[in-house]
Amino acid sequence: MGKSSLDLVNECDRFPYHQDDPTAYIAHMEKYHSFHVNGYDPVLGYMLNEVVARFDWPKESWTVDPTNRTVTLLGSTPAERNQAIAQTLDAAVKQDRFEVLRGWRNEMYPVYGPDGEFLLEMERSASPLFGIVSYGIHATAYVEDENGLRLWVPRRSKTKQTYPSMLDNSVAGGMSTGEMPFECLVREAMEEASLPEDVVRVNATAAGCVSYTYVRDNRAGGETDLVQPEVEYVYDIKLSADITPKPNDTEVEEFCLLTIEETKKALANGEFKPNCAVVLIDFFVRHGILTPENEKDFLEIITKIHRRLEFPTASHVTN
C-alpha cells in the first residue's frame, strides 16, 4: 500500500506538537538545548545536546548553560554576532566536527528576532546544527491544455549531497540574507530549469507559503535528527507547451512532464523529496484536485502544512 497524503505530510512536519501529548513532548525536549541571542527572550532554534557538546564555544562570544540547556550568542550588533558565528564555524570546519559542514555552500541564511529584526546570519550548511528557521521558494511549473494538467518534475542528481536521485519541484532554492522571494524565484528558475527571466516574471503567480518543522534523516546527508524549521514561499508557473525546462547546472538530471495521476503515483511511492511532496499537496489543494470530499484527512493536512513555528519569523516585505 502506498503512502497517503497525510503520511507524506507527517514525513515532512516531523517535530512533535505539545498539545498532542504534553508529557511526551516535555520528555522529548530534554534532547535539545535552545539557541538564544543575548538581549532577546525568544528561542531561535533547537540544538541537539550532542551537537552542543561537539562545538568549541569561545567564552568571549558564547554562554552555554548545561543545567537550563541553553546556548546564548553574545554581541550587541549583527556584525559582532556574525563574526562570532563565523569564527566558531571556521574552527569546527578545520576540526571536521560535523558532516553537514563538509557541504559548505558559501550562502548566508538570516536569523530574525521577535519583531522581524535582523539579528545575524550564518552559513547555510550550519543552519540545521542551530535549528534556525530557514526560508526558500518552491515553484510548480505546469502545462494545461487539451491534454489536461501536467507538471514539470525534475529528478535530482545522483551525486547531490542531499536527497540524491529523488524527485523535486520544478524550481526550488533557499533565500539568502537580503533576498526577496520573487527575486529568488527568478534566479533559481534560470539556474535550475533554464527558464528565462521574462518568462518567469510574466507567468509566475504567488500562491502563499507552506511551513513545517522537519527533522533530518539520512537522506538529507550528514548528521541525523537535526531540527530544520522552514518557510517555503510557493509559486505556480503556467507554461505554454513550447517552453521546456532544462537542467542548467549539476543539481538536476532531467525534467519530465507528468500527468496528475503519474505525479500521484510517484508521491505514493515516496519518490519525492519530503518538502517537495508537501508543496505538491498544497498545489493539489489549491487546484481542486485534493478536496474535503475526496480526502478524509483534509483538515489535518491543511493544518500541518501551515505550521505556526515555535520561533520568530519575518515577513519579506519590500518597502
C-alpha atoms as a PDB file:
ATOM      1  CA  MET A   1       0.000   0.000   0.000  1.00  0.00           C
ATOM      2  CA  GLY A   2       1.366   3.400  -0.986  1.00  0.00           C
ATOM      3  CA  LYS A   3       1.842   6.425   1.203  1.00  0.00           C
ATOM      4  CA  SER A   4      -1.201   8.603   1.837  1.00  0.00           C
ATOM      5  CA  SER A   5      -1.123  12.378   1.613  1.00  0.00           C
ATOM      6  CA  LEU A   6      -1.109  12.563   5.411  1.00  0.00           C
ATOM      7  CA  ASP A   7       1.796  10.086   5.537  1.00  0.00           C
ATOM      8  CA  LEU A   8       3.772  12.378   3.242  1.00  0.00           C
ATOM      9  CA  VAL A   9       2.928  15.454   5.304  1.00  0.00           C
ATOM     10  CA  ASN A  10       3.951  13.678   8.515  1.00  0.00           C
ATOM     11  CA  GLU A  11       7.304  12.744   6.962  1.00  0.00           C
ATOM     12  CA  CYS A  12       7.997  16.441   6.470  1.00  0.00           C
ATOM     13  CA  ASP A  13       6.384  18.018   9.542  1.00  0.00           C
ATOM     14  CA  ARG A  14       8.052  15.607  11.938  1.00  0.00           C
ATOM     15  CA  PHE A  15       8.634  17.605  15.111  1.00  0.00           C
ATOM     16  CA  PRO A  16       6.116  16.747  17.863  1.00  0.00           C
ATOM     17  CA  TYR A  17       3.328  19.061  18.981  1.00  0.00           C
ATOM     18  CA  HIS A  18       2.990  19.880  22.676  1.00  0.00           C
ATOM     19  CA  GLN A  19      -0.802  19.661  22.574  1.00  0.00           C
ATOM     20  CA  ASP A  20      -0.772  16.098  21.232  1.00  0.00           C
ATOM     21  CA  ASP A  21       0.965  14.662  24.315  1.00  0.00           C
ATOM     22  CA  PRO A  22       2.400  17.242  26.754  1.00  0.00           C
ATOM     23  CA  THR A  23       4.253  14.646  28.846  1.00  0.00           C
ATOM     24  CA  ALA A  24       5.922  13.045  25.836  1.00  0.00           C
ATOM     25  CA  TYR A  25       6.755  16.473  24.417  1.00  0.00           C
ATOM     26  CA  ILE A  26       8.487  17.599  27.610  1.00  0.00           C
ATOM     27  CA  ALA A  27      10.491  14.371  27.676  1.00  0.00           C
ATOM     28  CA  HIS A  28      11.422  14.822  24.006  1.00  0.00           C
ATOM     29  CA  MET A  29      12.678  18.372  24.612  1.00  0.00           C
ATOM     30  CA  GLU A  30      15.315  17.053  27.014  1.00  0.00           C
ATOM     31  CA  LYS A  31      17.284  16.099  23.879  1.00  0.00           C
ATOM     32  CA  TYR A  32      17.849  19.755  22.993  1.00  0.00           C
ATOM     33  CA  HIS A  33      19.483  22.988  24.032  1.00  0.00           C
ATOM     34  CA  SER A  34      17.713  26.179  22.979  1.00  0.00           C
ATOM     35  CA  PHE A  35      19.633  28.715  20.891  1.00  0.00           C
ATOM     36  CA  HIS A  36      19.382  32.363  22.008  1.00  0.00           C
ATOM     37  CA  VAL A  37      20.896  35.749  21.282  1.00  0.00           C
ATOM     38  CA  ASN A  38      21.855  37.867  24.254  1.00  0.00           C
ATOM     39  CA  GLY A  39      19.229  40.534  24.973  1.00  0.00           C
ATOM     40  CA  TYR A  40      16.363  38.680  23.276  1.00  0.00           C
ATOM     41  CA  ASP A  41      13.971  36.355  25.078  1.00  0.00           C
ATOM     42  CA  PRO A  42      12.624  34.110  22.293  1.00  0.00           C
ATOM     43  CA  VAL A  43      14.188  30.777  21.412  1.00  0.00           C
ATOM     44  CA  LEU A  44      15.711  30.993  17.916  1.00  0.00           C
ATOM     45  CA  GLY A  45      16.345  27.290  17.342  1.00  0.00           C
ATOM     46  CA  TYR A  46      16.694  23.841  18.888  1.00  0.00           C
ATOM     47  CA  MET A  47      20.159  22.260  19.019  1.00  0.00           C
ATOM     48  CA  LEU A  48      20.743  18.587  19.762  1.00  0.00           C
ATOM     49  CA  ASN A  49      22.645  18.095  23.014  1.00  0.00           C
ATOM     50  CA  GLU A  50      25.326  16.089  21.218  1.00  0.00           C
ATOM     51  CA  VAL A  51      25.801  18.932  18.715  1.00  0.00           C
ATOM     52  CA  VAL A  52      26.327  21.385  21.559  1.00  0.00           C
ATOM     53  CA  ALA A  53      28.871  19.021  23.130  1.00  0.00           C
ATOM     54  CA  ARG A  54      30.919  18.799  19.898  1.00  0.00           C
ATOM     55  CA  PHE A  55      31.395  22.539  19.406  1.00  0.00           C
ATOM     56  CA  ASP A  56      34.171  24.552  20.973  1.00  0.00           C
ATOM     57  CA  TRP A  57      32.434  27.629  22.427  1.00  0.00           C
ATOM     58  CA  PRO A  58      34.778  30.638  22.917  1.00  0.00           C
ATOM     59  CA  LYS A  59      33.767  32.150  26.251  1.00  0.00           C
ATOM     60  CA  GLU A  60      34.113  35.690  24.965  1.00  0.00           C
ATOM     61  CA  SER A  61      31.374  35.009  22.401  1.00  0.00           C
ATOM     62  CA  TRP A  62      29.124  32.358  23.927  1.00  0.00           C
ATOM     63  CA  THR A  63      27.438  31.326  27.140  1.00  0.00           C
ATOM     64  CA  VAL A  64      26.466  27.660  27.447  1.00  0.00           C
ATOM     65  CA  ASP A  65      24.234  26.669  30.366  1.00  0.00           C
ATOM     66  CA  PRO A  66      24.035  22.851  30.609  1.00  0.00           C
ATOM     67  CA  THR A  67      21.557  22.986  33.502  1.00  0.00           C
ATOM     68  CA  ASN A  68      18.961  25.016  31.630  1.00  0.00           C
ATOM     69  CA  ARG A  69      20.165  23.627  28.298  1.00  0.00           C
ATOM     70  CA  THR A  70      20.723  26.985  26.604  1.00  0.00           C
ATOM     71  CA  VAL A  71      23.335  28.275  24.155  1.00  0.00           C
ATOM     72  CA  THR A  72      23.489  32.077  24.022  1.00  0.00           C
ATOM     73  CA  LEU A  73      25.368  34.098  21.427  1.00  0.00           C
ATOM     74  CA  LEU A  74      26.829  37.297  22.841  1.00  0.00           C
ATOM     75  CA  GLY A  75      27.377  40.558  20.992  1.00  0.00           C
ATOM     76  CA  SER A  76      25.284  43.694  20.746  1.00  0.00           C
ATOM     77  CA  THR A  77      25.188  44.143  16.964  1.00  0.00           C
ATOM     78  CA  PRO A  78      24.624  41.889  13.949  1.00  0.00           C
ATOM     79  CA  ALA A  79      28.232  42.475  12.873  1.00  0.00           C
ATOM     80  CA  GLU A  80      29.600  41.274  16.218  1.00  0.00           C
ATOM     81  CA  ARG A  81      27.348  38.214  16.203  1.00  0.00           C
ATOM     82  CA  ASN A  82      28.236  37.379  12.593  1.00  0.00           C
ATOM     83  CA  GLN A  83      31.931  37.498  13.407  1.00  0.00           C
ATOM     84  CA  ALA A  84      31.457  35.191  16.401  1.00  0.00           C
ATOM     85  CA  ILE A  85      29.383  32.711  14.392  1.00  0.00           C
ATOM     86  CA  ALA A  86      31.895  32.733  11.533  1.00  0.00           C
ATOM     87  CA  GLN A  87      34.857  32.118  13.845  1.00  0.00           C
ATOM     88  CA  THR A  88      33.081  29.270  15.655  1.00  0.00           C
ATOM     89  CA  LEU A  89      32.098  27.588  12.397  1.00  0.00           C
ATOM     90  CA  ASP A  90      35.558  28.082  10.908  1.00  0.00           C
ATOM     91  CA  ALA A  91      37.068  26.235  13.858  1.00  0.00           C
ATOM     92  CA  ALA A  92      34.503  23.432  13.535  1.00  0.00           C
ATOM     93  CA  VAL A  93      35.312  23.028   9.835  1.00  0.00           C
ATOM     94  CA  LYS A  94      39.050  22.901  10.454  1.00  0.00           C
ATOM     95  CA  GLN A  95      38.484  20.253  13.146  1.00  0.00           C
ATOM     96  CA  ASP A  96      35.991  18.391  10.890  1.00  0.00           C
ATOM     97  CA  ARG A  97      33.487  18.224  13.729  1.00  0.00           C
ATOM     98  CA  PHE A  98      30.323  17.885  11.606  1.00  0.00           C
ATOM     99  CA  GLU A  99      29.486  16.088   8.381  1.00  0.00           C
ATOM    100  CA  VAL A 100      26.950  18.737   7.326  1.00  0.00           C
ATOM    101  CA  LEU A 101      29.699  21.362   7.243  1.00  0.00           C
ATOM    102  CA  ARG A 102      31.541  19.372   4.588  1.00  0.00           C
ATOM    103  CA  GLY A 103      28.800  20.579   2.262  1.00  0.00           C
ATOM    104  CA  TRP A 104      29.738  24.232   2.766  1.00  0.00           C
ATOM    105  CA  ARG A 105      27.613  26.337   0.423  1.00  0.00           C
ATOM    106  CA  ASN A 106      29.004  29.879   0.753  1.00  0.00           C
ATOM    107  CA  GLU A 107      25.430  31.078   1.165  1.00  0.00           C
ATOM    108  CA  MET A 108      24.289  33.047   4.192  1.00  0.00           C
ATOM    109  CA  TYR A 109      20.987  32.419   5.958  1.00  0.00           C
ATOM    110  CA  PRO A 110      19.450  35.156   8.117  1.00  0.00           C
ATOM    111  CA  VAL A 111      18.091  34.856  11.659  1.00  0.00           C
ATOM    112  CA  TYR A 112      15.341  37.235  12.751  1.00  0.00           C
ATOM    113  CA  GLY A 113      14.147  38.486  16.117  1.00  0.00           C
ATOM    114  CA  PRO A 114      10.625  38.703  17.579  1.00  0.00           C
ATOM    115  CA  ASP A 115       9.731  41.841  15.611  1.00  0.00           C
ATOM    116  CA  GLY A 116      11.270  40.642  12.379  1.00  0.00           C
ATOM    117  CA  GLU A 117      14.533  42.473  13.003  1.00  0.00           C
ATOM    118  CA  PHE A 118      17.725  41.051  11.520  1.00  0.00           C
ATOM    119  CA  LEU A 119      19.887  39.561  14.278  1.00  0.00           C
ATOM    120  CA  LEU A 120      22.616  37.651  12.458  1.00  0.00           C
ATOM    121  CA  GLU A 121      23.440  35.394   9.549  1.00  0.00           C
ATOM    122  CA  MET A 122      25.209  32.074   9.252  1.00  0.00           C
ATOM    123  CA  GLU A 123      26.489  29.677   6.602  1.00  0.00           C
ATOM    124  CA  ARG A 124      23.615  27.717   5.088  1.00  0.00           C
ATOM    125  CA  SER A 125      25.078  24.273   5.797  1.00  0.00           C
ATOM    126  CA  ALA A 126      25.347  25.166   9.508  1.00  0.00           C
ATOM    127  CA  SER A 127      21.718  26.203   9.901  1.00  0.00           C
ATOM    128  CA  PRO A 128      20.429  22.704  10.844  1.00  0.00           C
ATOM    129  CA  LEU A 129      23.037  22.494  13.620  1.00  0.00           C
ATOM    130  CA  PHE A 130      21.436  25.533  15.264  1.00  0.00           C
ATOM    131  CA  GLY A 131      17.870  24.610  14.303  1.00  0.00           C
ATOM    132  CA  ILE A 132      17.072  28.092  12.992  1.00  0.00           C
ATOM    133  CA  VAL A 133      14.176  28.930  10.668  1.00  0.00           C
ATOM    134  CA  SER A 134      15.229  28.989   7.020  1.00  0.00           C
ATOM    135  CA  TYR A 135      13.356  30.477   4.082  1.00  0.00           C
ATOM    136  CA  GLY A 136      13.084  29.390   0.483  1.00  0.00           C
ATOM    137  CA  ILE A 137      10.952  29.291  -2.642  1.00  0.00           C
ATOM    138  CA  HIS A 138       9.329  26.332  -4.389  1.00  0.00           C
ATOM    139  CA  ALA A 139       7.542  26.574  -7.724  1.00  0.00           C
ATOM    140  CA  THR A 140       5.425  24.171  -9.717  1.00  0.00           C
ATOM    141  CA  ALA A 141       5.691  24.687 -13.466  1.00  0.00           C
ATOM    142  CA  TYR A 142       2.778  23.180 -15.345  1.00  0.00           C
ATOM    143  CA  VAL A 143       1.065  22.938 -18.700  1.00  0.00           C
ATOM    144  CA  GLU A 144      -2.709  22.990 -19.035  1.00  0.00           C
ATOM    145  CA  ASP A 145      -4.154  22.355 -22.476  1.00  0.00           C
ATOM    146  CA  GLU A 146      -6.359  19.903 -24.358  1.00  0.00           C
ATOM    147  CA  ASN A 147      -4.248  17.088 -22.890  1.00  0.00           C
ATOM    148  CA  GLY A 148      -5.107  18.135 -19.343  1.00  0.00           C
ATOM    149  CA  LEU A 149      -2.953  19.383 -16.469  1.00  0.00           C
ATOM    150  CA  ARG A 150       0.648  18.156 -16.473  1.00  0.00           C
ATOM    151  CA  LEU A 151       3.538  19.056 -14.188  1.00  0.00           C
ATOM    152  CA  TRP A 152       7.220  19.573 -14.945  1.00  0.00           C
ATOM    153  CA  VAL A 153       9.070  17.351 -12.466  1.00  0.00           C
ATOM    154  CA  PRO A 154      12.878  17.235 -12.202  1.00  0.00           C
ATOM    155  CA  ARG A 155      15.000  14.396 -10.862  1.00  0.00           C
ATOM    156  CA  ARG A 156      17.816  15.412  -8.559  1.00  0.00           C
ATOM    157  CA  SER A 157      21.352  14.445  -9.482  1.00  0.00           C
ATOM    158  CA  LYS A 158      22.569  11.091  -8.160  1.00  0.00           C
ATOM    159  CA  THR A 159      25.713  12.883  -6.927  1.00  0.00           C
ATOM    160  CA  LYS A 160      23.845  15.590  -4.982  1.00  0.00           C
ATOM    161  CA  GLN A 161      24.746  15.629  -1.292  1.00  0.00           C
ATOM    162  CA  THR A 162      21.138  15.864  -0.133  1.00  0.00           C
ATOM    163  CA  TYR A 163      18.309  13.575  -1.324  1.00  0.00           C
ATOM    164  CA  PRO A 164      20.170  12.227  -4.372  1.00  0.00           C
ATOM    165  CA  SER A 165      18.074  10.897  -7.278  1.00  0.00           C
ATOM    166  CA  MET A 166      14.768  11.885  -5.652  1.00  0.00           C
ATOM    167  CA  LEU A 167      12.074  13.850  -7.491  1.00  0.00           C
ATOM    168  CA  ASP A 168      11.806  17.577  -6.805  1.00  0.00           C
ATOM    169  CA  ASN A 169       9.649  20.600  -7.509  1.00  0.00           C
ATOM    170  CA  SER A 170      10.142  22.363 -10.833  1.00  0.00           C
ATOM    171  CA  VAL A 171      12.147  25.159  -9.209  1.00  0.00           C
ATOM    172  CA  ALA A 172      13.326  25.377  -5.602  1.00  0.00           C
ATOM    173  CA  GLY A 173      16.014  27.125  -3.613  1.00  0.00           C
ATOM    174  CA  GLY A 174      16.974  28.792  -0.370  1.00  0.00           C
ATOM    175  CA  MET A 175      16.747  32.543   0.188  1.00  0.00           C
ATOM    176  CA  SER A 176      19.991  34.203   1.230  1.00  0.00           C
ATOM    177  CA  THR A 177      20.249  37.220   3.507  1.00  0.00           C
ATOM    178  CA  GLY A 178      18.543  40.227   1.950  1.00  0.00           C
ATOM    179  CA  GLU A 179      16.944  38.269  -0.897  1.00  0.00           C
ATOM    180  CA  MET A 180      13.245  38.685  -1.637  1.00  0.00           C
ATOM    181  CA  PRO A 181      11.102  35.650  -2.523  1.00  0.00           C
ATOM    182  CA  PHE A 182      10.211  36.590  -6.095  1.00  0.00           C
ATOM    183  CA  GLU A 183      13.749  37.587  -6.980  1.00  0.00           C
ATOM    184  CA  CYS A 184      14.940  34.269  -5.552  1.00  0.00           C
ATOM    185  CA  LEU A 185      12.406  32.532  -7.799  1.00  0.00           C
ATOM    186  CA  VAL A 186      13.671  34.356 -10.874  1.00  0.00           C
ATOM    187  CA  ARG A 187      17.278  33.476 -10.067  1.00  0.00           C
ATOM    188  CA  GLU A 188      16.610  29.831  -9.272  1.00  0.00           C
ATOM    189  CA  ALA A 189      14.372  29.347 -12.310  1.00  0.00           C
ATOM    190  CA  MET A 190      17.248  30.185 -14.619  1.00  0.00           C
ATOM    191  CA  GLU A 191      19.913  28.372 -12.574  1.00  0.00           C
ATOM    192  CA  GLU A 192      17.952  25.133 -12.178  1.00  0.00           C
ATOM    193  CA  ALA A 193      15.469  24.998 -15.048  1.00  0.00           C
ATOM    194  CA  SER A 194      16.822  27.335 -17.772  1.00  0.00           C
ATOM    195  CA  LEU A 195      13.602  29.371 -17.599  1.00  0.00           C
ATOM    196  CA  PRO A 196      14.284  32.917 -18.848  1.00  0.00           C
ATOM    197  CA  GLU A 197      13.586  35.835 -16.540  1.00  0.00           C
ATOM    198  CA  ASP A 198      10.934  37.351 -18.816  1.00  0.00           C
ATOM    199  CA  VAL A 199       9.022  34.056 -18.938  1.00  0.00           C
ATOM    200  CA  VAL A 200       9.052  33.733 -15.156  1.00  0.00           C
ATOM    201  CA  ARG A 201       8.063  37.335 -14.486  1.00  0.00           C
ATOM    202  CA  VAL A 202       5.083  37.083 -16.823  1.00  0.00           C
ATOM    203  CA  ASN A 203       3.870  33.592 -15.942  1.00  0.00           C
ATOM    204  CA  ALA A 204       4.649  33.083 -12.236  1.00  0.00           C
ATOM    205  CA  THR A 205       1.914  33.583  -9.663  1.00  0.00           C
ATOM    206  CA  ALA A 206       2.474  33.852  -5.917  1.00  0.00           C
ATOM    207  CA  ALA A 207       0.399  31.163  -4.212  1.00  0.00           C
ATOM    208  CA  GLY A 208       1.107  31.568  -0.492  1.00  0.00           C
ATOM    209  CA  CYS A 209       3.536  29.510   1.539  1.00  0.00           C
ATOM    210  CA  VAL A 210       3.943  26.268   3.425  1.00  0.00           C
ATOM    211  CA  SER A 211       5.639  25.904   6.801  1.00  0.00           C
ATOM    212  CA  TYR A 212       6.717  22.867   8.793  1.00  0.00           C
ATOM    213  CA  THR A 213       9.393  21.608  11.161  1.00  0.00           C
ATOM    214  CA  TYR A 214      11.424  18.861   9.543  1.00  0.00           C
ATOM    215  CA  VAL A 215      13.748  16.501  11.409  1.00  0.00           C
ATOM    216  CA  ARG A 216      16.566  15.383   9.155  1.00  0.00           C
ATOM    217  CA  ASP A 217      17.052  11.721   8.277  1.00  0.00           C
ATOM    218  CA  ASN A 218      19.952  10.046   6.465  1.00  0.00           C
ATOM    219  CA  ARG A 219      18.657  11.110   3.041  1.00  0.00           C
ATOM    220  CA  ALA A 220      19.475  14.715   3.929  1.00  0.00           C
ATOM    221  CA  GLY A 221      23.176  13.906   4.261  1.00  0.00           C
ATOM    222  CA  GLY A 222      25.288  14.348   7.356  1.00  0.00           C
ATOM    223  CA  GLU A 223      24.056  14.208  10.944  1.00  0.00           C
ATOM    224  CA  THR A 224      20.507  12.996  11.531  1.00  0.00           C
ATOM    225  CA  ASP A 225      17.773  14.242  13.880  1.00  0.00           C
ATOM    226  CA  LEU A 226      18.760  17.882  13.350  1.00  0.00           C
ATOM    227  CA  VAL A 227      15.753  20.199  13.615  1.00  0.00           C
ATOM    228  CA  GLN A 228      15.001  22.145  10.444  1.00  0.00           C
ATOM    229  CA  PRO A 229      12.022  24.551  10.592  1.00  0.00           C
ATOM    230  CA  GLU A 230      11.270  26.065   7.207  1.00  0.00           C
ATOM    231  CA  VAL A 231       9.052  28.584   5.454  1.00  0.00           C
ATOM    232  CA  GLU A 232       8.723  27.988   1.727  1.00  0.00           C
ATOM    233  CA  TYR A 233       7.112  30.644  -0.455  1.00  0.00           C
ATOM    234  CA  VAL A 234       5.098  28.849  -3.127  1.00  0.00           C
ATOM    235  CA  TYR A 235       4.635  29.848  -6.763  1.00  0.00           C
ATOM    236  CA  ASP A 236       2.812  28.443  -9.774  1.00  0.00           C
ATOM    237  CA  ILE A 237       4.326  28.927 -13.225  1.00  0.00           C
ATOM    238  CA  LYS A 238       1.918  28.208 -16.067  1.00  0.00           C
ATOM    239  CA  LEU A 239       3.872  27.486 -19.238  1.00  0.00           C
ATOM    240  CA  SER A 240       2.854  27.044 -22.837  1.00  0.00           C
ATOM    241  CA  ALA A 241       3.611  23.676 -24.417  1.00  0.00           C
ATOM    242  CA  ASP A 242       6.509  25.127 -26.422  1.00  0.00           C
ATOM    243  CA  ILE A 243       8.531  26.048 -23.298  1.00  0.00           C
ATOM    244  CA  THR A 244      10.541  23.178 -21.846  1.00  0.00           C
ATOM    245  CA  PRO A 245      12.509  23.425 -18.601  1.00  0.00           C
ATOM    246  CA  LYS A 246      16.054  22.077 -18.963  1.00  0.00           C
ATOM    247  CA  PRO A 247      18.851  21.433 -16.456  1.00  0.00           C
ATOM    248  CA  ASN A 248      21.274  24.338 -16.265  1.00  0.00           C
ATOM    249  CA  ASP A 249      23.580  23.074 -13.519  1.00  0.00           C
ATOM    250  CA  THR A 250      24.698  19.797 -11.970  1.00  0.00           C
ATOM    251  CA  GLU A 251      21.844  19.605  -9.446  1.00  0.00           C
ATOM    252  CA  VAL A 252      19.201  18.193 -11.801  1.00  0.00           C
ATOM    253  CA  GLU A 253      19.499  15.272 -14.212  1.00  0.00           C
ATOM    254  CA  GLU A 254      16.327  15.690 -16.250  1.00  0.00           C
ATOM    255  CA  PHE A 255      12.807  17.122 -16.376  1.00  0.00           C
ATOM    256  CA  CYS A 256       9.754  15.016 -17.119  1.00  0.00           C
ATOM    257  CA  LEU A 257       6.235  16.204 -17.909  1.00  0.00           C
ATOM    258  CA  LEU A 258       3.960  14.109 -15.694  1.00  0.00           C
ATOM    259  CA  THR A 259       0.196  13.817 -15.597  1.00  0.00           C
ATOM    260  CA  ILE A 260      -1.605  14.295 -12.305  1.00  0.00           C
ATOM    261  CA  GLU A 261      -2.063  10.537 -11.979  1.00  0.00           C
ATOM    262  CA  GLU A 262       1.620   9.888 -12.666  1.00  0.00           C
ATOM    263  CA  THR A 263       2.541  12.505 -10.065  1.00  0.00           C
ATOM    264  CA  LYS A 264       0.173  10.963  -7.508  1.00  0.00           C
ATOM    265  CA  LYS A 265       1.725   7.549  -8.119  1.00  0.00           C
ATOM    266  CA  ALA A 266       5.257   8.887  -7.616  1.00  0.00           C
ATOM    267  CA  LEU A 267       4.117  10.594  -4.407  1.00  0.00           C
ATOM    268  CA  ALA A 268       2.562   7.397  -3.094  1.00  0.00           C
ATOM    269  CA  ASN A 269       5.789   5.544  -3.913  1.00  0.00           C
ATOM    270  CA  GLY A 270       7.799   8.014  -1.806  1.00  0.00           C
ATOM    271  CA  GLU A 271       9.856   9.215  -4.775  1.00  0.00           C
ATOM    272  CA  PHE A 272       9.689  12.937  -3.916  1.00  0.00           C
ATOM    273  CA  LYS A 273      11.923  14.834  -1.517  1.00  0.00           C
ATOM    274  CA  PRO A 274       9.781  15.287   1.638  1.00  0.00           C
ATOM    275  CA  ASN A 275       9.171  19.037   1.463  1.00  0.00           C
ATOM    276  CA  CYS A 276       8.577  18.827  -2.299  1.00  0.00           C
ATOM    277  CA  ALA A 277       5.771  16.345  -1.634  1.00  0.00           C
ATOM    278  CA  VAL A 278       4.201  18.915   0.700  1.00  0.00           C
ATOM    279  CA  VAL A 279       4.408  21.639  -1.973  1.00  0.00           C
ATOM    280  CA  LEU A 280       2.673  19.354  -4.474  1.00  0.00           C
ATOM    281  CA  ILE A 281      -0.049  18.504  -1.961  1.00  0.00           C
ATOM    282  CA  ASP A 282      -0.567  22.246  -1.480  1.00  0.00           C
ATOM    283  CA  PHE A 283      -0.780  22.613  -5.289  1.00  0.00           C
ATOM    284  CA  PHE A 284      -3.394  19.850  -5.415  1.00  0.00           C
ATOM    285  CA  VAL A 285      -5.469  21.599  -2.741  1.00  0.00           C
ATOM    286  CA  ARG A 286      -5.319  24.972  -4.478  1.00  0.00           C
ATOM    287  CA  HIS A 287      -6.239  23.477  -7.860  1.00  0.00           C
ATOM    288  CA  GLY A 288      -9.180  21.475  -6.542  1.00  0.00           C
ATOM    289  CA  ILE A 289      -7.507  18.097  -7.012  1.00  0.00           C
ATOM    290  CA  LEU A 290      -7.383  17.321  -3.291  1.00  0.00           C
ATOM    291  CA  THR A 291     -10.673  18.283  -1.646  1.00  0.00           C
ATOM    292  CA  PRO A 292     -12.634  17.729   1.581  1.00  0.00           C
ATOM    293  CA  GLU A 293     -14.831  15.349  -0.396  1.00  0.00           C
ATOM    294  CA  ASN A 294     -12.044  13.017  -1.554  1.00  0.00           C
ATOM    295  CA  GLU A 295      -9.524  13.250   1.325  1.00  0.00           C
ATOM    296  CA  LYS A 296     -10.544  12.075   4.794  1.00  0.00           C
ATOM    297  CA  ASP A 297      -7.551  13.786   6.434  1.00  0.00           C
ATOM    298  CA  PHE A 298      -8.083  17.089   4.629  1.00  0.00           C
ATOM    299  CA  LEU A 299      -8.238  19.367   7.692  1.00  0.00           C
ATOM    300  CA  GLU A 300      -5.205  17.814   9.388  1.00  0.00           C
ATOM    301  CA  ILE A 301      -3.224  18.075   6.167  1.00  0.00           C
ATOM    302  CA  ILE A 302      -4.077  21.756   5.754  1.00  0.00           C
ATOM    303  CA  THR A 303      -3.139  22.487   9.358  1.00  0.00           C
ATOM    304  CA  LYS A 304       0.184  20.650   9.305  1.00  0.00           C
ATOM    305  CA  ILE A 305       1.478  22.200   6.092  1.00  0.00           C
ATOM    306  CA  HIS A 306       0.872  25.658   7.584  1.00  0.00           C
ATOM    307  CA  ARG A 307       2.501  25.097  10.944  1.00  0.00           C
ATOM    308  CA  ARG A 308       2.852  28.006  13.334  1.00  0.00           C
ATOM    309  CA  LEU A 309       6.554  27.757  14.036  1.00  0.00           C
ATOM    310  CA  GLU A 310       7.972  27.831  17.553  1.00  0.00           C
ATOM    311  CA  PHE A 311      10.455  30.578  16.655  1.00  0.00           C
ATOM    312  CA  PRO A 312      10.344  34.197  15.458  1.00  0.00           C
ATOM    313  CA  THR A 313       9.732  34.607  11.737  1.00  0.00           C
ATOM    314  CA  ALA A 314       9.926  37.568   9.379  1.00  0.00           C
ATOM    315  CA  SER A 315       7.618  38.744   6.632  1.00  0.00           C
ATOM    316  CA  HIS A 316       9.502  39.627   3.465  1.00  0.00           C
ATOM    317  CA  VAL A 317       8.036  42.994   2.594  1.00  0.00           C
ATOM    318  CA  THR A 318       9.585  45.325   0.031  1.00  0.00           C
ATOM    319  CA  ASN A 319       9.492  48.896   1.349  1.00  0.00           C
END
